Amino acid sequence: MFESTSDLSGERFWDDQIAANTEMFRQADLLEEAAYKIIDCDSSNEAWARFTDAKALADAQRTAAYRDWMRINRAMRK
């Protein structure tokens, strides 16, 4: 997610990494919630197209967050 000049073994470094990753997952949740609100009251073809685009953004954010979590997990084991 981001580079830091902090000591990679420092607890603060990992706390910051995990906090940033948690925020990535939170953003994915918010994007997904917004996507479902699009079709909550509108079932038109246009609404479904907007939902599909919004859901794809949410899924991409969640995938990025998961990959970042795996990177953190691997790095913490070293």
C-alpha atoms as a PDB file:
ATOM      1  CA  MET A   1       0.000   0.000   0.000  1.00  0.00           C
ATOM      2  CA  PHE A   2       2.614   2.571   1.002  1.00  0.00           C
ATOM      3  CA  GLU A   3       6.283   2.735   1.761  1.00  0.00           C
ATOM      4  CA  SER A   4       7.596   3.899   5.088  1.00  0.00           C
ATOM      5  CA  THR A   5      10.997   4.827   6.379  1.00  0.00           C
ATOM      6  CA  SER A   6      10.062   3.269   9.710  1.00  0.00           C
ATOM      7  CA  ASP A   7      11.740   0.169  11.035  1.00  0.00           C
ATOM      8  CA  LEU A   8       9.926  -2.749   9.387  1.00  0.00           C
ATOM      9  CA  SER A   9       9.998  -4.687  12.625  1.00  0.00           C
ATOM     10  CA  GLY A  10       8.472  -1.883  14.703  1.00  0.00           C
ATOM     11  CA  GLU A  11       5.021  -2.375  16.157  1.00  0.00           C
ATOM     12  CA  ARG A  12       3.970   1.131  15.108  1.00  0.00           C
ATOM     13  CA  PHE A  13       4.870   0.341  11.487  1.00  0.00           C
ATOM     14  CA  TRP A  14       2.598  -2.722  11.447  1.00  0.00           C
ATOM     15  CA  ASP A  15      -0.180  -0.862  13.256  1.00  0.00           C
ATOM     16  CA  ASP A  16      -0.054   1.803  10.538  1.00  0.00           C
ATOM     17  CA  GLN A  17      -0.037  -0.805   7.769  1.00  0.00           C
ATOM     18  CA  ILE A  18      -3.010  -2.650   9.245  1.00  0.00           C
ATOM     19  CA  ALA A  19      -4.925   0.591   9.868  1.00  0.00           C
ATOM     20  CA  ALA A  20      -4.432   1.646   6.249  1.00  0.00           C
ATOM     21  CA  ASN A  21      -5.538  -1.794   5.064  1.00  0.00           C
ATOM     22  CA  THR A  22      -8.611  -1.670   7.287  1.00  0.00           C
ATOM     23  CA  GLU A  23      -9.494   1.646   5.680  1.00  0.00           C
ATOM     24  CA  MET A  24      -9.203   0.034   2.241  1.00  0.00           C
ATOM     25  CA  PHE A  25     -11.721  -2.635   3.268  1.00  0.00           C
ATOM     26  CA  ARG A  26     -14.005   0.036   4.762  1.00  0.00           C
ATOM     27  CA  GLN A  27     -13.951   1.947   1.490  1.00  0.00           C
ATOM     28  CA  ALA A  28     -14.860  -1.253  -0.372  1.00  0.00           C
ATOM     29  CA  ASP A  29     -17.806  -1.745   1.978  1.00  0.00           C
ATOM     30  CA  LEU A  30     -18.987   1.829   1.413  1.00  0.00           C
ATOM     31  CA  LEU A  31     -18.695   1.466  -2.358  1.00  0.00           C
ATOM     32  CA  GLU A  32     -20.686  -1.765  -2.253  1.00  0.00           C
ATOM     33  CA  GLU A  33     -23.353  -0.208  -0.070  1.00  0.00           C
ATOM     34  CA  ALA A  34     -23.654   2.689  -2.516  1.00  0.00           C
ATOM     35  CA  ALA A  35     -23.937   0.248  -5.425  1.00  0.00           C
ATOM     36  CA  TYR A  36     -26.857  -1.576  -3.825  1.00  0.00           C
ATOM     37  CA  LYS A  37     -28.613   1.709  -3.053  1.00  0.00           C
ATOM     38  CA  ILE A  38     -28.729   2.356  -6.803  1.00  0.00           C
ATOM     39  CA  ILE A  39     -31.040  -0.602  -7.378  1.00  0.00           C
ATOM     40  CA  ASP A  40     -32.868  -0.335  -4.070  1.00  0.00           C
ATOM     41  CA  CYS A  41     -35.690   1.755  -5.543  1.00  0.00           C
ATOM     42  CA  ASP A  42     -35.002   1.647  -9.260  1.00  0.00           C
ATOM     43  CA  SER A  43     -34.977  -1.490 -11.371  1.00  0.00           C
ATOM     44  CA  SER A  44     -34.583   0.183 -14.740  1.00  0.00           C
ATOM     45  CA  ASN A  45     -31.956  -0.960 -17.210  1.00  0.00           C
ATOM     46  CA  GLU A  46     -30.049   2.272 -16.602  1.00  0.00           C
ATOM     47  CA  ALA A  47     -30.017   1.646 -12.850  1.00  0.00           C
ATOM     48  CA  TRP A  48     -28.733  -1.884 -13.388  1.00  0.00           C
ATOM     49  CA  ALA A  49     -25.973  -0.544 -15.634  1.00  0.00           C
ATOM     50  CA  ARG A  50     -24.974   1.998 -12.971  1.00  0.00           C
ATOM     51  CA  PHE A  51     -25.133  -0.743 -10.323  1.00  0.00           C
ATOM     52  CA  THR A  52     -22.882  -3.007 -12.394  1.00  0.00           C
ATOM     53  CA  ASP A  53     -20.290  -0.245 -12.759  1.00  0.00           C
ATOM     54  CA  ALA A  54     -20.471   0.710  -9.076  1.00  0.00           C
ATOM     55  CA  LYS A  55     -20.281  -2.925  -7.939  1.00  0.00           C
ATOM     56  CA  ALA A  56     -17.228  -3.450 -10.149  1.00  0.00           C
ATOM     57  CA  LEU A  57     -15.526  -0.515  -8.407  1.00  0.00           C
ATOM     58  CA  ALA A  58     -16.373  -1.996  -5.009  1.00  0.00           C
ATOM     59  CA  ASP A  59     -15.084  -5.412  -6.056  1.00  0.00           C
ATOM     60  CA  ALA A  60     -11.855  -3.897  -7.385  1.00  0.00           C
ATOM     61  CA  GLN A  61     -11.336  -2.033  -4.105  1.00  0.00           C
ATOM     62  CA  ARG A  62     -11.951  -5.211  -2.104  1.00  0.00           C
ATOM     63  CA  THR A  63      -9.513  -7.144  -4.298  1.00  0.00           C
ATOM     64  CA  ALA A  64      -6.867  -4.451  -3.797  1.00  0.00           C
ATOM     65  CA  ALA A  65      -7.471  -4.524  -0.041  1.00  0.00           C
ATOM     66  CA  TYR A  66      -7.194  -8.321   0.036  1.00  0.00           C
ATOM     67  CA  ARG A  67      -3.939  -8.265  -1.957  1.00  0.00           C
ATOM     68  CA  ASP A  68      -2.567  -5.613   0.369  1.00  0.00           C
ATOM     69  CA  TRP A  69      -3.581  -7.710   3.383  1.00  0.00           C
ATOM     70  CA  MET A  70      -1.780 -10.726   1.937  1.00  0.00           C
ATOM     71  CA  ARG A  71       1.324  -8.559   1.369  1.00  0.00           C
ATOM     72  CA  ILE A  72       1.196  -7.399   4.997  1.00  0.00           C
ATOM     73  CA  ASN A  73       0.620 -10.937   6.243  1.00  0.00           C
ATOM     74  CA  ARG A  74       3.618 -12.285   4.307  1.00  0.00           C
ATOM     75  CA  ALA A  75       5.852  -9.420   5.419  1.00  0.00           C
ATOM     76  CA  MET A  76       4.918  -9.859   9.082  1.00  0.00           C
ATOM     77  CA  ARG A  77       5.942 -13.521   8.964  1.00  0.00           C
ATOM     78  CA  LYS A  78       9.476 -12.687   7.819  1.00  0.00           C
END
